[in-house]
Protein backbone atom coordinates (compact mmCIF):
# COMPACT_ATOMS: atom_id res chain seq x y z
CA MET A 1 0.00 0.02 0.01
CA GLU A 2 1.23 3.45 -0.88
CA THR A 3 1.81 5.91 1.90
CA ASN A 4 3.02 8.94 -0.04
CA GLY A 5 -0.55 10.35 -0.36
CA ARG A 6 -1.05 9.65 -4.03
CA ASN A 7 -4.09 7.97 -5.36
CA PRO A 8 -2.95 4.63 -6.91
CA ASN A 9 -5.62 4.95 -9.57
CA SER A 10 -4.94 8.52 -10.49
CA PRO A 11 -4.04 9.32 -14.18
CA GLU A 12 -0.67 10.38 -12.98
CA ASN A 13 0.24 6.90 -11.91
CA PRO A 14 1.60 4.86 -14.93
CA SER A 15 0.68 1.49 -13.47
CA ALA A 16 -2.95 2.64 -13.25
CA ARG A 17 -2.83 3.44 -16.95
CA VAL A 18 -1.63 0.01 -17.75
CA SER A 19 -4.24 -1.66 -15.88
CA ASN A 20 -6.89 0.48 -17.46
CA ASN A 21 -5.55 -0.28 -20.93
CA ALA A 22 -5.48 -4.03 -20.21
CA SER A 23 -9.20 -3.92 -19.07
CA GLU A 24 -10.13 -1.99 -22.13
CA GLU A 25 -8.39 -4.48 -24.40
CA GLN A 26 -10.09 -7.27 -22.62
CA SER A 27 -13.59 -5.70 -23.05
CA THR A 28 -13.03 -4.97 -26.77
CA SER A 29 -11.74 -8.55 -27.45
CA ASN A 30 -15.15 -9.85 -26.36
CA GLU A 31 -17.01 -7.67 -28.97
CA VAL A 32 -17.98 -9.27 -32.20
CA PHE A 33 -16.75 -7.68 -35.37
CA VAL A 34 -19.53 -6.59 -37.65
CA ASN A 35 -18.59 -5.82 -41.36
CA HIS A 36 -21.04 -2.96 -42.11
CA ALA A 37 -19.62 -2.64 -45.59
CA GLU A 38 -20.48 -6.28 -46.42
CA ILE A 39 -24.00 -5.93 -45.01
CA SER A 40 -24.48 -2.80 -47.05
CA TRP A 41 -23.21 -4.58 -50.18
CA HIS A 42 -25.57 -7.49 -49.73
CA GLU A 43 -28.46 -5.16 -49.28
CA MET A 44 -27.65 -3.11 -52.46
CA ARG A 45 -27.17 -6.48 -54.39
CA ARG A 46 -30.49 -7.67 -53.15
CA GLN A 47 -32.12 -4.42 -54.44
CA TRP A 48 -30.39 -4.72 -57.76
CA VAL A 49 -30.98 -8.48 -58.36
CA GLY A 50 -34.42 -8.68 -56.69
CA ASP A 51 -35.90 -11.45 -54.83
CA GLN A 52 -34.74 -14.68 -56.43
CA SER A 53 -37.49 -16.80 -54.94
CA LYS A 54 -40.13 -14.91 -56.94
CA ARG A 55 -38.46 -15.44 -60.26
CA PRO A 56 -39.82 -18.23 -62.36
CA LYS A 57 -37.46 -21.04 -62.95
CA ARG A 58 -36.02 -21.15 -66.53
CA MET A 59 -36.47 -24.34 -68.45
CA PRO A 60 -33.43 -25.54 -70.25
CA ARG A 61 -33.75 -24.79 -73.97
CA GLU A 62 -32.61 -26.78 -76.98
CA PRO A 63 -29.17 -25.84 -78.28
CA ILE A 64 -29.19 -23.46 -81.15
CA MET A 65 -26.11 -24.98 -82.86
CA SER A 66 -26.40 -28.44 -84.28
CA TRP A 67 -24.39 -31.25 -82.77
CA THR A 68 -22.93 -31.87 -86.21
CA THR A 69 -21.65 -28.22 -86.56
CA THR A 70 -17.85 -28.07 -87.01
CA TYR A 71 -15.34 -25.34 -86.35
CA GLU A 72 -14.88 -25.03 -90.15
CA ASP A 73 -18.61 -24.57 -90.60
CA LEU A 74 -18.48 -21.62 -88.43
CA LEU A 75 -15.34 -20.09 -89.94
CA CYS A 76 -16.37 -20.62 -93.55
CA SER A 77 -19.90 -19.27 -93.35
CA THR A 78 -20.55 -15.68 -93.96
CA GLU A 79 -24.25 -15.98 -93.10
CA PRO A 80 -25.40 -14.73 -89.68
CA PHE A 81 -26.90 -17.23 -87.38
CA GLN A 82 -30.68 -17.68 -87.46
CA GLN A 83 -30.83 -16.59 -83.85
CA PRO A 84 -28.32 -15.48 -81.23
CA ILE A 85 -26.20 -18.18 -79.64
CA PRO A 86 -25.86 -18.03 -75.85
CA LEU A 87 -22.37 -17.44 -74.58
CA ALA A 88 -22.44 -20.56 -72.49
CA GLU A 89 -23.33 -22.67 -75.61
CA MET A 90 -20.56 -21.07 -77.66
CA VAL A 91 -17.98 -21.62 -74.97
CA ASP A 92 -18.88 -25.31 -74.59
CA PHE A 93 -18.58 -25.72 -78.35
CA LEU A 94 -15.18 -24.12 -78.53
CA VAL A 95 -13.80 -26.01 -75.54
CA ASP A 96 -14.94 -29.23 -77.07
CA ILE A 97 -13.18 -28.40 -80.35
CA TRP A 98 -10.04 -27.25 -78.53
CA GLN A 99 -9.91 -30.40 -76.48
CA GLU A 100 -10.22 -32.59 -79.62
CA GLU A 101 -7.34 -30.62 -81.19
CA GLY A 102 -5.21 -30.83 -78.04
CA LEU A 103 -5.19 -27.07 -77.54
CA TYR A 104 -7.17 -27.03 -74.20
CA ASP A 105 -6.09 -29.15 -71.29
């Protein structure tokens, strides 16, 4: 116990500051981190995309390109396609061709 008349918990006492900092660190370590930016991002995305549960499910459609279409058929033809080809279908077609030719592993 101190007998010099000073308050051991006064701000002038460095040991009191250390114990206060330690108790502050302990109380903040128990708090849960909340990423407000992520929450905001999800809310903005939900507004932009809309409620997915209310959207009708798409039925898979028939491929536009024939299974017998070759890479040369596409390159040699100057005629436009009868209807737009979905990107996923074109990518699948090109990957299949490239795998056959050993260009895609």
